[in-house]
Amino acid sequence: MPRCTFCGKEITKGTGKLYIYASGKVANFCSNKCEKNLIQLKRKPVNTRWTDAFKKENKKGIYKVESTQKSDISSTPKTKVLKSGSK
């Protein structure tokens, strides 16, 4: 199944639009909303909040990564340095 060029969602069979540029590049769209944003308004998917590209770039939703604990760094003992000749 093809994916939408703008939002990244899978396009079900029998739906969507196919846009062919003059250069021969092909773009698949799942809705008029995606087509208008990319072609007419010339928006980038990374800057549009509801696209998969934005979510992946900004680590939102399913692309969110669990934070790791800093236990490895803090578990090492601190050593003190003694300066000789100080009064």
C-alpha atoms as a PDB file:
ATOM      1  CA  MET A   1       0.000   0.000   0.000  1.00  0.00           C
ATOM      2  CA  PRO A   2       1.305   3.458  -0.815  1.00  0.00           C
ATOM      3  CA  ARG A   3       1.862   6.055   1.892  1.00  0.00           C
ATOM      4  CA  CYS A   4       0.763   9.678   1.771  1.00  0.00           C
ATOM      5  CA  THR A   5       3.646  11.895   0.672  1.00  0.00           C
ATOM      6  CA  PHE A   6       2.692  14.611   3.176  1.00  0.00           C
ATOM      7  CA  CYS A   7       1.342  12.985   6.356  1.00  0.00           C
ATOM      8  CA  GLY A   8       2.805   9.481   6.038  1.00  0.00           C
ATOM      9  CA  LYS A   9      -0.430   7.517   6.579  1.00  0.00           C
ATOM     10  CA  GLU A  10      -1.212   4.419   4.557  1.00  0.00           C
ATOM     11  CA  ILE A  11      -3.673   5.006   1.722  1.00  0.00           C
ATOM     12  CA  THR A  12      -6.392   2.377   1.445  1.00  0.00           C
ATOM     13  CA  LYS A  13      -7.132   0.896  -1.945  1.00  0.00           C
ATOM     14  CA  GLY A  14      -9.547   2.951  -4.039  1.00  0.00           C
ATOM     15  CA  THR A  15      -9.030   6.212  -2.152  1.00  0.00           C
ATOM     16  CA  GLY A  16      -6.623   9.135  -2.327  1.00  0.00           C
ATOM     17  CA  LYS A  17      -5.114  11.131  -5.160  1.00  0.00           C
ATOM     18  CA  LEU A  18      -2.061  10.707  -7.350  1.00  0.00           C
ATOM     19  CA  TYR A  19      -0.236  13.898  -8.375  1.00  0.00           C
ATOM     20  CA  ILE A  20       2.450  13.829 -11.054  1.00  0.00           C
ATOM     21  CA  TYR A  21       4.848  16.780 -11.266  1.00  0.00           C
ATOM     22  CA  ALA A  22       6.154  18.087 -14.617  1.00  0.00           C
ATOM     23  CA  SER A  23       9.550  16.601 -13.739  1.00  0.00           C
ATOM     24  CA  GLY A  24       7.996  13.133 -13.463  1.00  0.00           C
ATOM     25  CA  LYS A  25       8.055  12.871  -9.673  1.00  0.00           C
ATOM     26  CA  VAL A  26       4.960  11.141  -8.249  1.00  0.00           C
ATOM     27  CA  ALA A  27       3.177  12.181  -5.046  1.00  0.00           C
ATOM     28  CA  ASN A  28       0.406  10.209  -3.325  1.00  0.00           C
ATOM     29  CA  PHE A  29      -2.126  12.001  -1.119  1.00  0.00           C
ATOM     30  CA  CYS A  30      -4.677  10.527   1.281  1.00  0.00           C
ATOM     31  CA  SER A  31      -6.909  13.640   1.360  1.00  0.00           C
ATOM     32  CA  ASN A  32      -7.448  17.120  -0.059  1.00  0.00           C
ATOM     33  CA  LYS A  33      -6.017  18.489   3.193  1.00  0.00           C
ATOM     34  CA  CYS A  34      -2.623  16.901   2.510  1.00  0.00           C
ATOM     35  CA  GLU A  35      -2.621  17.895  -1.159  1.00  0.00           C
ATOM     36  CA  LYS A  36      -3.447  21.533  -0.375  1.00  0.00           C
ATOM     37  CA  ASN A  37      -0.782  21.788   2.344  1.00  0.00           C
ATOM     38  CA  LEU A  38       2.010  20.420   0.146  1.00  0.00           C
ATOM     39  CA  ILE A  39       1.193  21.760  -3.327  1.00  0.00           C
ATOM     40  CA  GLN A  40      -0.801  24.971  -2.889  1.00  0.00           C
ATOM     41  CA  LEU A  41       0.490  26.214   0.466  1.00  0.00           C
ATOM     42  CA  LYS A  42       3.996  24.712   0.001  1.00  0.00           C
ATOM     43  CA  ARG A  43       4.277  23.635   3.625  1.00  0.00           C
ATOM     44  CA  LYS A  44       6.873  21.176   4.860  1.00  0.00           C
ATOM     45  CA  PRO A  45       5.619  18.060   6.706  1.00  0.00           C
ATOM     46  CA  VAL A  46       8.232  18.558   9.454  1.00  0.00           C
ATOM     47  CA  ASN A  47       6.658  21.906  10.424  1.00  0.00           C
ATOM     48  CA  THR A  48       3.046  20.651  10.470  1.00  0.00           C
ATOM     49  CA  ARG A  49       2.085  19.220  13.876  1.00  0.00           C
ATOM     50  CA  TRP A  50      -0.278  16.433  12.751  1.00  0.00           C
ATOM     51  CA  THR A  51       2.139  14.681  10.361  1.00  0.00           C
ATOM     52  CA  ASP A  52       4.296  11.650  11.114  1.00  0.00           C
ATOM     53  CA  ALA A  53       7.408  13.598  10.083  1.00  0.00           C
ATOM     54  CA  PHE A  54       6.778  16.216  12.797  1.00  0.00           C
ATOM     55  CA  LYS A  55       6.114  13.557  15.433  1.00  0.00           C
ATOM     56  CA  LYS A  56       9.285  11.685  14.543  1.00  0.00           C
ATOM     57  CA  GLU A  57      11.441  14.847  14.464  1.00  0.00           C
ATOM     58  CA  ASN A  58      10.140  16.130  17.820  1.00  0.00           C
ATOM     59  CA  LYS A  59       9.844  12.688  19.510  1.00  0.00           C
ATOM     60  CA  LYS A  60       6.088  12.858  20.112  1.00  0.00           C
ATOM     61  CA  GLY A  61       3.528  10.033  20.312  1.00  0.00           C
ATOM     62  CA  ILE A  62       4.796   6.589  19.311  1.00  0.00           C
ATOM     63  CA  TYR A  63       8.212   8.036  18.492  1.00  0.00           C
ATOM     64  CA  LYS A  64       8.776   9.127  22.120  1.00  0.00           C
ATOM     65  CA  VAL A  65      11.910   7.605  23.663  1.00  0.00           C
ATOM     66  CA  GLU A  66      12.002   6.567  27.324  1.00  0.00           C
ATOM     67  CA  SER A  67      14.470   8.583  29.391  1.00  0.00           C
ATOM     68  CA  THR A  68      17.375   6.633  30.842  1.00  0.00           C
ATOM     69  CA  GLN A  69      18.448   6.833  34.460  1.00  0.00           C
ATOM     70  CA  LYS A  70      21.769   8.413  35.392  1.00  0.00           C
ATOM     71  CA  SER A  71      22.612   5.686  37.933  1.00  0.00           C
ATOM     72  CA  ASP A  72      25.807   4.718  36.091  1.00  0.00           C
ATOM     73  CA  ILE A  73      27.317   8.187  36.406  1.00  0.00           C
ATOM     74  CA  SER A  74      26.334   8.903  40.011  1.00  0.00           C
ATOM     75  CA  SER A  75      27.391   5.483  41.389  1.00  0.00           C
ATOM     76  CA  THR A  76      31.120   6.111  40.963  1.00  0.00           C
ATOM     77  CA  PRO A  77      32.768   7.242  44.238  1.00  0.00           C
ATOM     78  CA  LYS A  78      34.256  10.732  44.436  1.00  0.00           C
ATOM     79  CA  THR A  79      37.956  11.038  45.252  1.00  0.00           C
ATOM     80  CA  LYS A  80      39.487  13.934  47.148  1.00  0.00           C
ATOM     81  CA  VAL A  81      42.774  15.441  46.096  1.00  0.00           C
ATOM     82  CA  LEU A  82      45.081  16.526  48.923  1.00  0.00           C
ATOM     83  CA  LYS A  83      47.354  19.446  48.191  1.00  0.00           C
ATOM     84  CA  SER A  84      50.745  19.255  49.871  1.00  0.00           C
ATOM     85  CA  GLY A  85      52.276  22.343  51.449  1.00  0.00           C
ATOM     86  CA  SER A  86      49.006  24.161  52.150  1.00  0.00           C
ATOM     87  CA  LYS A  87      48.512  25.532  55.673  1.00  0.00           C
END
